Amino acid sequence: MRVNAKITKIIDKPDSSIKAFASVTLDGYFAVHGVKVCDGEKGLFISMPSTSYTSNGETKYRDTFHPITKGAREALTQAVLDKYDEALSQTQDEGIEIQDIPEDEEECEELDEPEPEISM
């Protein structure tokens, strides 16, 4: 699987766990927008695009896209984080201004989800 990532926005807000937004293409056939680069207790990770819903008065989030296998998740994560590192280097080298995050964007949430099994 070919995974191509592009950082669409870098966030400069020290108290936010969201550090950037990315778009990803998969094998040149599918595009995924709204992937977040987040900084958590264990370091950088990516958060998939999600929608929110309320359950028993509590706001929860459900991914609208996510990799099925561990290998696909690792490939996606590596592609996005590599591009994030490149984008940070470029902004430092060229003095590019980093954007603030909009107030209505939700924070990143680290999820420990079990890997779903593939059946065909």
N, C-alpha and C. Protein backbone atom coordinates (compact mmCIF):
# COMPACT_ATOMS: atom_id res chain seq x y z
N MET A 1 0.85 -1.17 0.00
CA MET A 1 0.00 0.00 0.00
C MET A 1 0.90 1.24 0.00
N ARG A 2 0.63 2.14 -0.91
CA ARG A 2 1.33 3.43 -0.97
C ARG A 2 0.55 4.44 -0.15
N VAL A 3 1.21 5.04 0.81
CA VAL A 3 0.58 6.06 1.66
C VAL A 3 1.34 7.36 1.44
N ASN A 4 0.64 8.38 0.96
CA ASN A 4 1.23 9.70 0.79
C ASN A 4 0.51 10.67 1.72
N ALA A 5 1.28 11.40 2.49
CA ALA A 5 0.72 12.34 3.45
C ALA A 5 1.15 13.75 3.12
N LYS A 6 0.30 14.71 3.50
CA LYS A 6 0.61 16.12 3.33
C LYS A 6 0.10 16.84 4.58
N ILE A 7 0.96 17.64 5.18
CA ILE A 7 0.56 18.43 6.34
C ILE A 7 -0.15 19.66 5.78
N THR A 8 -1.41 19.85 6.17
CA THR A 8 -2.20 20.96 5.65
C THR A 8 -2.19 22.18 6.56
N LYS A 9 -1.89 21.95 7.85
CA LYS A 9 -1.88 23.07 8.79
C LYS A 9 -1.07 22.67 10.02
N ILE A 10 -0.16 23.53 10.44
CA ILE A 10 0.58 23.33 11.69
C ILE A 10 -0.02 24.27 12.72
N ILE A 11 -0.22 23.77 13.92
CA ILE A 11 -0.87 24.53 14.98
C ILE A 11 0.18 25.05 15.97
N ASP A 12 0.08 26.32 16.32
CA ASP A 12 0.99 26.92 17.29
C ASP A 12 0.18 27.41 18.49
N LYS A 13 -0.20 26.48 19.31
CA LYS A 13 -0.94 26.80 20.53
C LYS A 13 -0.40 25.87 21.61
N PRO A 14 0.48 26.36 22.48
CA PRO A 14 1.19 25.50 23.44
C PRO A 14 0.30 24.63 24.31
N ASP A 15 -0.90 25.10 24.66
CA ASP A 15 -1.75 24.32 25.55
C ASP A 15 -2.65 23.32 24.81
N SER A 16 -2.49 23.21 23.49
CA SER A 16 -3.29 22.27 22.70
C SER A 16 -2.50 20.99 22.44
N SER A 17 -3.18 19.86 22.52
CA SER A 17 -2.53 18.59 22.17
C SER A 17 -2.47 18.39 20.66
N ILE A 18 -3.27 19.15 19.90
CA ILE A 18 -3.24 19.06 18.45
C ILE A 18 -2.07 19.89 17.93
N LYS A 19 -1.20 19.26 17.17
CA LYS A 19 -0.01 19.94 16.65
C LYS A 19 -0.11 20.24 15.15
N ALA A 20 -0.92 19.46 14.43
CA ALA A 20 -1.05 19.67 12.98
C ALA A 20 -2.25 18.90 12.45
N PHE A 21 -2.66 19.27 11.23
CA PHE A 21 -3.67 18.52 10.48
C PHE A 21 -3.02 18.01 9.21
N ALA A 22 -3.45 16.83 8.76
CA ALA A 22 -2.87 16.23 7.57
C ALA A 22 -3.97 15.65 6.68
N SER A 23 -3.62 15.50 5.40
CA SER A 23 -4.44 14.76 4.45
C SER A 23 -3.58 13.61 3.94
N VAL A 24 -4.22 12.48 3.66
CA VAL A 24 -3.51 11.28 3.25
C VAL A 24 -4.18 10.69 2.03
N THR A 25 -3.38 10.21 1.07
CA THR A 25 -3.94 9.43 -0.04
C THR A 25 -3.42 8.00 0.08
N LEU A 26 -4.28 7.06 -0.26
CA LEU A 26 -3.96 5.64 -0.17
C LEU A 26 -3.97 5.03 -1.57
N ASP A 27 -2.80 4.57 -2.00
CA ASP A 27 -2.62 3.96 -3.32
C ASP A 27 -3.11 4.85 -4.46
N GLY A 28 -3.22 6.13 -4.21
CA GLY A 28 -3.68 7.05 -5.25
C GLY A 28 -5.17 6.94 -5.55
N TYR A 29 -5.91 6.17 -4.76
CA TYR A 29 -7.33 5.95 -5.00
C TYR A 29 -8.24 6.62 -3.98
N PHE A 30 -7.80 6.70 -2.74
CA PHE A 30 -8.64 7.23 -1.68
C PHE A 30 -7.93 8.38 -0.97
N ALA A 31 -8.69 9.37 -0.56
CA ALA A 31 -8.14 10.49 0.19
C ALA A 31 -8.84 10.58 1.54
N VAL A 32 -8.06 10.86 2.56
CA VAL A 32 -8.59 11.03 3.91
C VAL A 32 -8.11 12.40 4.40
N HIS A 33 -9.04 13.24 4.79
CA HIS A 33 -8.71 14.58 5.27
C HIS A 33 -9.03 14.66 6.77
N GLY A 34 -8.35 15.56 7.45
CA GLY A 34 -8.66 15.78 8.86
C GLY A 34 -7.94 14.86 9.82
N VAL A 35 -6.85 14.22 9.38
CA VAL A 35 -6.04 13.42 10.29
C VAL A 35 -5.28 14.41 11.17
N LYS A 36 -5.28 14.19 12.49
CA LYS A 36 -4.63 15.12 13.41
C LYS A 36 -3.32 14.52 13.92
N VAL A 37 -2.29 15.34 14.01
CA VAL A 37 -1.05 14.98 14.69
C VAL A 37 -1.20 15.50 16.10
N CYS A 38 -1.08 14.62 17.07
CA CYS A 38 -1.32 14.97 18.47
C CYS A 38 -0.10 14.64 19.32
N ASP A 39 0.04 15.36 20.42
CA ASP A 39 1.11 15.11 21.37
C ASP A 39 0.48 14.62 22.66
N GLY A 40 0.80 13.40 23.03
CA GLY A 40 0.24 12.80 24.23
C GLY A 40 1.32 12.44 25.23
N GLU A 41 0.93 11.74 26.26
CA GLU A 41 1.87 11.34 27.31
C GLU A 41 3.01 10.47 26.78
N LYS A 42 2.73 9.68 25.74
CA LYS A 42 3.73 8.78 25.18
C LYS A 42 4.41 9.36 23.94
N GLY A 43 4.16 10.62 23.63
CA GLY A 43 4.77 11.25 22.47
C GLY A 43 3.76 11.50 21.37
N LEU A 44 4.26 11.73 20.15
CA LEU A 44 3.38 12.04 19.03
C LEU A 44 2.61 10.82 18.56
N PHE A 45 1.36 11.05 18.17
CA PHE A 45 0.53 10.01 17.57
C PHE A 45 -0.44 10.68 16.63
N ILE A 46 -1.14 9.90 15.82
CA ILE A 46 -2.14 10.47 14.93
C ILE A 46 -3.53 10.07 15.40
N SER A 47 -4.46 10.97 15.15
CA SER A 47 -5.86 10.75 15.51
C SER A 47 -6.68 10.82 14.22
N MET A 48 -7.53 9.85 14.02
CA MET A 48 -8.32 9.77 12.79
C MET A 48 -9.47 10.78 12.80
N PRO A 49 -9.95 11.13 11.63
CA PRO A 49 -11.14 12.00 11.56
C PRO A 49 -12.29 11.31 12.29
N SER A 50 -13.10 12.09 13.00
CA SER A 50 -14.17 11.48 13.79
C SER A 50 -15.40 12.38 13.83
N THR A 51 -16.50 11.77 14.25
CA THR A 51 -17.72 12.52 14.50
C THR A 51 -18.06 12.36 15.97
N SER A 52 -18.76 13.33 16.51
CA SER A 52 -19.12 13.25 17.94
C SER A 52 -20.59 12.87 18.08
N TYR A 53 -20.89 12.25 19.20
CA TYR A 53 -22.26 11.90 19.54
C TYR A 53 -22.38 11.91 21.06
N THR A 54 -23.60 11.95 21.56
CA THR A 54 -23.83 11.97 23.00
C THR A 54 -24.45 10.64 23.42
N SER A 55 -23.89 10.06 24.46
CA SER A 55 -24.39 8.82 25.02
C SER A 55 -24.48 8.98 26.53
N ASN A 56 -25.69 8.88 27.07
CA ASN A 56 -25.92 9.06 28.51
C ASN A 56 -25.37 10.40 29.01
N GLY A 57 -25.56 11.45 28.22
CA GLY A 57 -25.11 12.78 28.59
C GLY A 57 -23.63 13.03 28.42
N GLU A 58 -22.89 12.04 27.92
CA GLU A 58 -21.44 12.18 27.75
C GLU A 58 -21.10 12.26 26.26
N THR A 59 -20.27 13.24 25.88
CA THR A 59 -19.86 13.36 24.48
C THR A 59 -18.78 12.33 24.18
N LYS A 60 -18.99 11.58 23.11
CA LYS A 60 -18.05 10.55 22.68
C LYS A 60 -17.72 10.79 21.22
N TYR A 61 -16.63 10.16 20.77
CA TYR A 61 -16.20 10.32 19.38
C TYR A 61 -16.06 8.95 18.73
N ARG A 62 -16.43 8.88 17.46
CA ARG A 62 -16.29 7.65 16.68
C ARG A 62 -15.53 7.99 15.41
N ASP A 63 -14.47 7.23 15.12
CA ASP A 63 -13.69 7.45 13.91
C ASP A 63 -14.56 7.26 12.67
N THR A 64 -14.40 8.17 11.69
CA THR A 64 -15.10 8.00 10.42
C THR A 64 -14.22 7.24 9.43
N PHE A 65 -12.96 7.14 9.75
CA PHE A 65 -12.00 6.36 8.97
C PHE A 65 -10.96 5.82 9.94
N HIS A 66 -10.53 4.60 9.72
CA HIS A 66 -9.43 4.06 10.51
C HIS A 66 -8.85 2.84 9.82
N PRO A 67 -7.55 2.60 10.00
CA PRO A 67 -6.93 1.41 9.41
C PRO A 67 -7.43 0.16 10.13
N ILE A 68 -7.50 -0.93 9.40
CA ILE A 68 -8.00 -2.19 9.95
C ILE A 68 -6.88 -3.02 10.58
N THR A 69 -5.72 -3.03 9.93
CA THR A 69 -4.62 -3.88 10.42
C THR A 69 -3.54 -3.05 11.11
N LYS A 70 -2.76 -3.73 11.92
CA LYS A 70 -1.65 -3.08 12.62
C LYS A 70 -0.65 -2.52 11.60
N GLY A 71 -0.37 -3.26 10.55
CA GLY A 71 0.57 -2.81 9.52
C GLY A 71 0.08 -1.55 8.81
N ALA A 72 -1.21 -1.50 8.51
CA ALA A 72 -1.79 -0.32 7.85
C ALA A 72 -1.73 0.88 8.79
N ARG A 73 -2.01 0.68 10.07
CA ARG A 73 -1.94 1.77 11.05
C ARG A 73 -0.51 2.29 11.16
N GLU A 74 0.46 1.37 11.21
CA GLU A 74 1.86 1.78 11.31
C GLU A 74 2.30 2.56 10.07
N ALA A 75 1.89 2.11 8.87
CA ALA A 75 2.26 2.80 7.63
C ALA A 75 1.66 4.20 7.60
N LEU A 76 0.41 4.31 7.99
CA LEU A 76 -0.27 5.61 8.01
C LEU A 76 0.38 6.54 9.03
N THR A 77 0.62 6.04 10.22
CA THR A 77 1.26 6.84 11.26
C THR A 77 2.63 7.32 10.83
N GLN A 78 3.44 6.41 10.29
CA GLN A 78 4.80 6.77 9.89
C GLN A 78 4.80 7.81 8.78
N ALA A 79 3.92 7.67 7.80
CA ALA A 79 3.86 8.63 6.69
C ALA A 79 3.49 10.02 7.19
N VAL A 80 2.50 10.10 8.07
CA VAL A 80 2.05 11.40 8.58
C VAL A 80 3.11 12.03 9.47
N LEU A 81 3.69 11.26 10.39
CA LEU A 81 4.68 11.82 11.30
C LEU A 81 5.96 12.22 10.57
N ASP A 82 6.35 11.48 9.52
CA ASP A 82 7.50 11.87 8.71
C ASP A 82 7.25 13.22 8.04
N LYS A 83 6.06 13.40 7.48
CA LYS A 83 5.73 14.67 6.83
C LYS A 83 5.64 15.80 7.85
N TYR A 84 5.17 15.50 9.05
CA TYR A 84 5.11 16.50 10.11
C TYR A 84 6.51 16.98 10.46
N ASP A 85 7.45 16.03 10.62
CA ASP A 85 8.84 16.40 10.91
C ASP A 85 9.42 17.27 9.79
N GLU A 86 9.14 16.89 8.53
CA GLU A 86 9.61 17.68 7.39
C GLU A 86 9.02 19.09 7.42
N ALA A 87 7.73 19.18 7.69
CA ALA A 87 7.06 20.49 7.72
C ALA A 87 7.63 21.37 8.83
N LEU A 88 7.91 20.79 10.00
CA LEU A 88 8.50 21.57 11.08
C LEU A 88 9.88 22.08 10.70
N SER A 89 10.68 21.22 10.08
CA SER A 89 12.01 21.64 9.63
C SER A 89 11.91 22.77 8.62
N GLN A 90 10.98 22.65 7.71
CA GLN A 90 10.80 23.66 6.68
C GLN A 90 10.37 25.00 7.29
N THR A 91 9.48 24.97 8.25
CA THR A 91 9.03 26.22 8.87
C THR A 91 10.17 26.89 9.62
N GLN A 92 11.03 26.10 10.25
CA GLN A 92 12.17 26.66 10.97
C GLN A 92 13.21 27.21 10.00
N ASP A 93 13.46 26.48 8.89
CA ASP A 93 14.45 26.91 7.91
C ASP A 93 14.01 28.14 7.14
N GLU A 94 12.73 28.23 6.83
CA GLU A 94 12.23 29.29 5.96
C GLU A 94 11.45 30.37 6.70
N GLY A 95 11.28 30.22 8.01
CA GLY A 95 10.57 31.22 8.78
C GLY A 95 9.10 31.32 8.43
N ILE A 96 8.48 30.20 8.04
CA ILE A 96 7.06 30.19 7.70
C ILE A 96 6.24 30.35 8.97
N GLU A 97 5.19 31.17 8.89
CA GLU A 97 4.33 31.40 10.03
C GLU A 97 3.44 30.19 10.29
N ILE A 98 3.32 29.80 11.54
CA ILE A 98 2.48 28.67 11.94
C ILE A 98 1.14 29.22 12.39
N GLN A 99 0.06 28.52 12.05
CA GLN A 99 -1.29 28.99 12.33
C GLN A 99 -1.78 28.56 13.70
N ASP A 100 -2.66 29.39 14.28
CA ASP A 100 -3.33 29.02 15.52
C ASP A 100 -4.48 28.08 15.22
N ILE A 101 -4.84 27.26 16.18
CA ILE A 101 -5.96 26.33 16.03
C ILE A 101 -7.27 27.07 16.26
N PRO A 102 -8.29 26.77 15.46
CA PRO A 102 -9.60 27.38 15.72
C PRO A 102 -10.14 26.92 17.07
N GLU A 103 -10.87 27.78 17.74
CA GLU A 103 -11.39 27.46 19.07
C GLU A 103 -12.36 26.29 19.08
N ASP A 104 -13.04 26.02 17.94
CA ASP A 104 -14.06 24.97 17.93
C ASP A 104 -13.52 23.58 17.63
N GLU A 105 -12.22 23.43 17.40
CA GLU A 105 -11.64 22.10 17.15
C GLU A 105 -11.52 21.34 18.47
N GLU A 106 -11.91 20.08 18.45
CA GLU A 106 -11.80 19.28 19.67
C GLU A 106 -10.36 18.84 19.88
N GLU A 107 -10.06 18.48 21.11
CA GLU A 107 -8.73 18.00 21.45
C GLU A 107 -8.56 16.55 20.99
N CYS A 108 -7.33 16.09 20.94
CA CYS A 108 -7.04 14.71 20.57
C CYS A 108 -7.31 13.80 21.75
N GLU A 109 -7.72 12.62 21.44
CA GLU A 109 -7.99 11.64 22.47
C GLU A 109 -7.25 10.36 22.11
N GLU A 110 -6.38 9.89 23.02
CA GLU A 110 -5.66 8.65 22.78
C GLU A 110 -6.61 7.48 23.02
N LEU A 111 -6.68 6.60 22.03
CA LEU A 111 -7.55 5.44 22.14
C LEU A 111 -6.71 4.17 22.09
N ASP A 112 -6.98 3.26 22.97
CA ASP A 112 -6.36 1.93 22.93
C ASP A 112 -7.41 0.96 22.43
N GLU A 113 -7.54 0.92 21.09
CA GLU A 113 -8.54 0.05 20.49
C GLU A 113 -7.92 -1.27 20.10
N PRO A 114 -8.62 -2.38 20.29
CA PRO A 114 -8.11 -3.65 19.80
C PRO A 114 -8.16 -3.67 18.28
N GLU A 115 -7.22 -4.38 17.66
CA GLU A 115 -7.21 -4.49 16.21
C GLU A 115 -8.36 -5.39 15.75
N PRO A 116 -9.21 -4.88 14.85
CA PRO A 116 -10.30 -5.71 14.35
C PRO A 116 -9.75 -6.80 13.44
N GLU A 117 -10.44 -7.91 13.38
CA GLU A 117 -10.03 -8.99 12.50
C GLU A 117 -10.64 -8.79 11.13
N ILE A 118 -9.89 -9.21 10.09
CA ILE A 118 -10.37 -9.09 8.72
C ILE A 118 -10.99 -10.42 8.33
N SER A 119 -12.20 -10.36 7.78
CA SER A 119 -12.82 -11.58 7.27
C SER A 119 -13.24 -11.33 5.83
N MET A 120 -13.03 -12.31 5.02
CA MET A 120 -13.39 -12.17 3.60
C MET A 120 -14.26 -13.30 3.14
